Amino acid sequence: MTSSKDYLEYVLEQLSHLDDISHRAMMGEYIIYYRGKIIGGIYDDRFLIKPVKSAMEMMPDAEMELPYDGAKEMLLVEDTENRKFLEELLNAMYEELPSPRKKRKKV
């Protein structure tokens, strides 16, 4: 199953008060970036984020789910209506997320 453009737009709208939110389509799903770092994505119309320590502390009862077969489990964000919570969550996660890899130059 792939994610709907409507659900992507809904999540992006909920995150629109944050600076530098972007996304990239990938095989019918969407990767979500915050200030250049991957925070998670939209998979099968579910907003899943990386299970970094701060996210797990802020959502101790969150379900761990697979975005797709063979992937690592991620945290399911169910409280997508609460913009303040989403802002606090992404800001708390930001420092724990790895920096983007530098692209290698093609020769």
C-alpha atoms as a PDB file:
ATOM      1  CA  MET A   1       0.000   0.000   0.000  1.00  0.00           C
ATOM      2  CA  THR A   2       1.208   3.509  -0.698  1.00  0.00           C
ATOM      3  CA  SER A   3       0.482   6.721   1.149  1.00  0.00           C
ATOM      4  CA  SER A   4      -2.040   9.224  -0.137  1.00  0.00           C
ATOM      5  CA  LYS A   5      -1.045  12.718  -1.162  1.00  0.00           C
ATOM      6  CA  ASP A   6      -3.911  13.948   1.062  1.00  0.00           C
ATOM      7  CA  TYR A   7      -2.354  12.434   4.198  1.00  0.00           C
ATOM      8  CA  LEU A   8       1.059  13.868   3.283  1.00  0.00           C
ATOM      9  CA  GLU A   9      -0.487  17.325   2.845  1.00  0.00           C
ATOM     10  CA  TYR A  10      -2.298  16.976   6.188  1.00  0.00           C
ATOM     11  CA  VAL A  11       0.922  16.143   8.065  1.00  0.00           C
ATOM     12  CA  LEU A  12       2.840  18.901   6.274  1.00  0.00           C
ATOM     13  CA  GLU A  13       0.091  21.369   7.240  1.00  0.00           C
ATOM     14  CA  GLN A  14       0.352  20.252  10.882  1.00  0.00           C
ATOM     15  CA  LEU A  15       4.122  20.912  10.703  1.00  0.00           C
ATOM     16  CA  SER A  16       3.857  24.129   8.671  1.00  0.00           C
ATOM     17  CA  HIS A  17       4.607  26.415  11.638  1.00  0.00           C
ATOM     18  CA  LEU A  18       8.117  24.909  11.846  1.00  0.00           C
ATOM     19  CA  ASP A  19      10.931  26.320   9.735  1.00  0.00           C
ATOM     20  CA  ASP A  20      12.478  24.207   6.991  1.00  0.00           C
ATOM     21  CA  ILE A  21      10.149  21.202   6.755  1.00  0.00           C
ATOM     22  CA  SER A  22      10.527  19.371   3.468  1.00  0.00           C
ATOM     23  CA  HIS A  23       9.751  15.994   1.981  1.00  0.00           C
ATOM     24  CA  ARG A  24      10.803  13.675  -0.787  1.00  0.00           C
ATOM     25  CA  ALA A  25       8.751  10.986  -2.486  1.00  0.00           C
ATOM     26  CA  MET A  26      10.259   7.521  -2.385  1.00  0.00           C
ATOM     27  CA  MET A  27       8.558   4.422  -3.825  1.00  0.00           C
ATOM     28  CA  GLY A  28       5.020   5.590  -3.038  1.00  0.00           C
ATOM     29  CA  GLU A  29       5.918   6.844   0.436  1.00  0.00           C
ATOM     30  CA  TYR A  30       7.382  10.128   1.696  1.00  0.00           C
ATOM     31  CA  ILE A  31      10.530  10.938   3.684  1.00  0.00           C
ATOM     32  CA  ILE A  32      10.108  13.966   5.990  1.00  0.00           C
ATOM     33  CA  TYR A  33      13.033  16.301   6.711  1.00  0.00           C
ATOM     34  CA  TYR A  34      13.397  18.907   9.432  1.00  0.00           C
ATOM     35  CA  ARG A  35      16.188  21.442   8.840  1.00  0.00           C
ATOM     36  CA  GLY A  36      17.894  19.002   6.499  1.00  0.00           C
ATOM     37  CA  LYS A  37      17.752  15.943   8.766  1.00  0.00           C
ATOM     38  CA  ILE A  38      15.482  12.948   8.244  1.00  0.00           C
ATOM     39  CA  ILE A  39      12.993  12.755  11.116  1.00  0.00           C
ATOM     40  CA  GLY A  40      10.824  10.006   9.699  1.00  0.00           C
ATOM     41  CA  GLY A  41       8.200   9.714   7.047  1.00  0.00           C
ATOM     42  CA  ILE A  42       4.733   8.876   5.860  1.00  0.00           C
ATOM     43  CA  TYR A  43       4.309   5.135   5.335  1.00  0.00           C
ATOM     44  CA  ASP A  44       0.931   3.572   4.518  1.00  0.00           C
ATOM     45  CA  ASP A  45      -0.751   6.791   5.698  1.00  0.00           C
ATOM     46  CA  ARG A  46       1.029   6.630   9.074  1.00  0.00           C
ATOM     47  CA  PHE A  47       3.369   9.311  10.413  1.00  0.00           C
ATOM     48  CA  LEU A  48       6.392   7.402  11.717  1.00  0.00           C
ATOM     49  CA  ILE A  49       9.473   8.969  13.280  1.00  0.00           C
ATOM     50  CA  LYS A  50      12.915   7.728  14.222  1.00  0.00           C
ATOM     51  CA  PRO A  51      13.021   6.199  17.716  1.00  0.00           C
ATOM     52  CA  VAL A  52      15.618   8.539  19.231  1.00  0.00           C
ATOM     53  CA  LYS A  53      15.786   8.876  23.014  1.00  0.00           C
ATOM     54  CA  SER A  54      13.907  12.179  23.261  1.00  0.00           C
ATOM     55  CA  ALA A  55      11.047  10.927  21.064  1.00  0.00           C
ATOM     56  CA  MET A  56      10.729   7.752  23.116  1.00  0.00           C
ATOM     57  CA  GLU A  57      10.669   9.808  26.330  1.00  0.00           C
ATOM     58  CA  MET A  58       7.990  12.147  24.961  1.00  0.00           C
ATOM     59  CA  MET A  59       5.870   9.260  23.649  1.00  0.00           C
ATOM     60  CA  PRO A  60       6.477   6.401  26.106  1.00  0.00           C
ATOM     61  CA  ASP A  61       3.324   4.529  25.049  1.00  0.00           C
ATOM     62  CA  ALA A  62       3.827   4.918  21.299  1.00  0.00           C
ATOM     63  CA  GLU A  63       3.585   1.820  19.142  1.00  0.00           C
ATOM     64  CA  MET A  64       6.712   0.675  17.334  1.00  0.00           C
ATOM     65  CA  GLU A  65       5.854  -0.157  13.726  1.00  0.00           C
ATOM     66  CA  LEU A  66       7.672  -1.204  10.588  1.00  0.00           C
ATOM     67  CA  PRO A  67       7.508   1.377   7.806  1.00  0.00           C
ATOM     68  CA  TYR A  68       8.034  -1.436   5.247  1.00  0.00           C
ATOM     69  CA  ASP A  69       9.351  -5.000   5.167  1.00  0.00           C
ATOM     70  CA  GLY A  70      13.003  -5.212   6.124  1.00  0.00           C
ATOM     71  CA  ALA A  71      13.154  -1.755   7.747  1.00  0.00           C
ATOM     72  CA  LYS A  72      13.927  -0.846  11.333  1.00  0.00           C
ATOM     73  CA  GLU A  73      10.963  -0.140  13.585  1.00  0.00           C
ATOM     74  CA  MET A  74       9.869   3.456  14.022  1.00  0.00           C
ATOM     75  CA  LEU A  75       7.562   5.277  16.444  1.00  0.00           C
ATOM     76  CA  LEU A  76       3.976   5.868  15.375  1.00  0.00           C
ATOM     77  CA  VAL A  77       2.859   9.460  15.981  1.00  0.00           C
ATOM     78  CA  GLU A  78      -0.842   9.318  16.773  1.00  0.00           C
ATOM     79  CA  ASP A  79      -1.293  12.843  18.177  1.00  0.00           C
ATOM     80  CA  THR A  80      -0.989  14.596  14.826  1.00  0.00           C
ATOM     81  CA  GLU A  81      -3.708  17.124  15.763  1.00  0.00           C
ATOM     82  CA  ASN A  82      -1.533  18.716  18.469  1.00  0.00           C
ATOM     83  CA  ARG A  83       0.730  21.179  16.641  1.00  0.00           C
ATOM     84  CA  LYS A  84       2.461  22.356  19.837  1.00  0.00           C
ATOM     85  CA  PHE A  85       3.363  18.765  20.720  1.00  0.00           C
ATOM     86  CA  LEU A  86       4.687  18.142  17.196  1.00  0.00           C
ATOM     87  CA  GLU A  87       6.844  21.266  17.405  1.00  0.00           C
ATOM     88  CA  GLU A  88       8.266  20.230  20.781  1.00  0.00           C
ATOM     89  CA  LEU A  89       8.833  16.685  19.535  1.00  0.00           C
ATOM     90  CA  LEU A  90      10.750  17.671  16.408  1.00  0.00           C
ATOM     91  CA  ASN A  91      12.817  20.280  18.250  1.00  0.00           C
ATOM     92  CA  ALA A  92      13.715  17.751  20.955  1.00  0.00           C
ATOM     93  CA  MET A  93      14.687  15.159  18.334  1.00  0.00           C
ATOM     94  CA  TYR A  94      16.745  17.443  16.129  1.00  0.00           C
ATOM     95  CA  GLU A  95      20.083  17.300  17.987  1.00  0.00           C
ATOM     96  CA  GLU A  96      19.927  13.494  18.259  1.00  0.00           C
ATOM     97  CA  LEU A  97      19.402  12.943  14.539  1.00  0.00           C
ATOM     98  CA  PRO A  98      22.412  12.254  12.333  1.00  0.00           C
ATOM     99  CA  SER A  99      23.560  14.980   9.981  1.00  0.00           C
ATOM    100  CA  PRO A 100      22.877  14.367   6.308  1.00  0.00           C
ATOM    101  CA  ARG A 101      25.556  12.466   4.454  1.00  0.00           C
ATOM    102  CA  LYS A 102      27.655  14.470   2.071  1.00  0.00           C
ATOM    103  CA  LYS A 103      27.015  13.529  -1.527  1.00  0.00           C
ATOM    104  CA  ARG A 104      29.971  12.118  -3.347  1.00  0.00           C
ATOM    105  CA  LYS A 105      30.978  13.921  -6.485  1.00  0.00           C
ATOM    106  CA  LYS A 106      30.672  11.886  -9.642  1.00  0.00           C
ATOM    107  CA  VAL A 107      33.840  11.634 -11.665  1.00  0.00           C
END
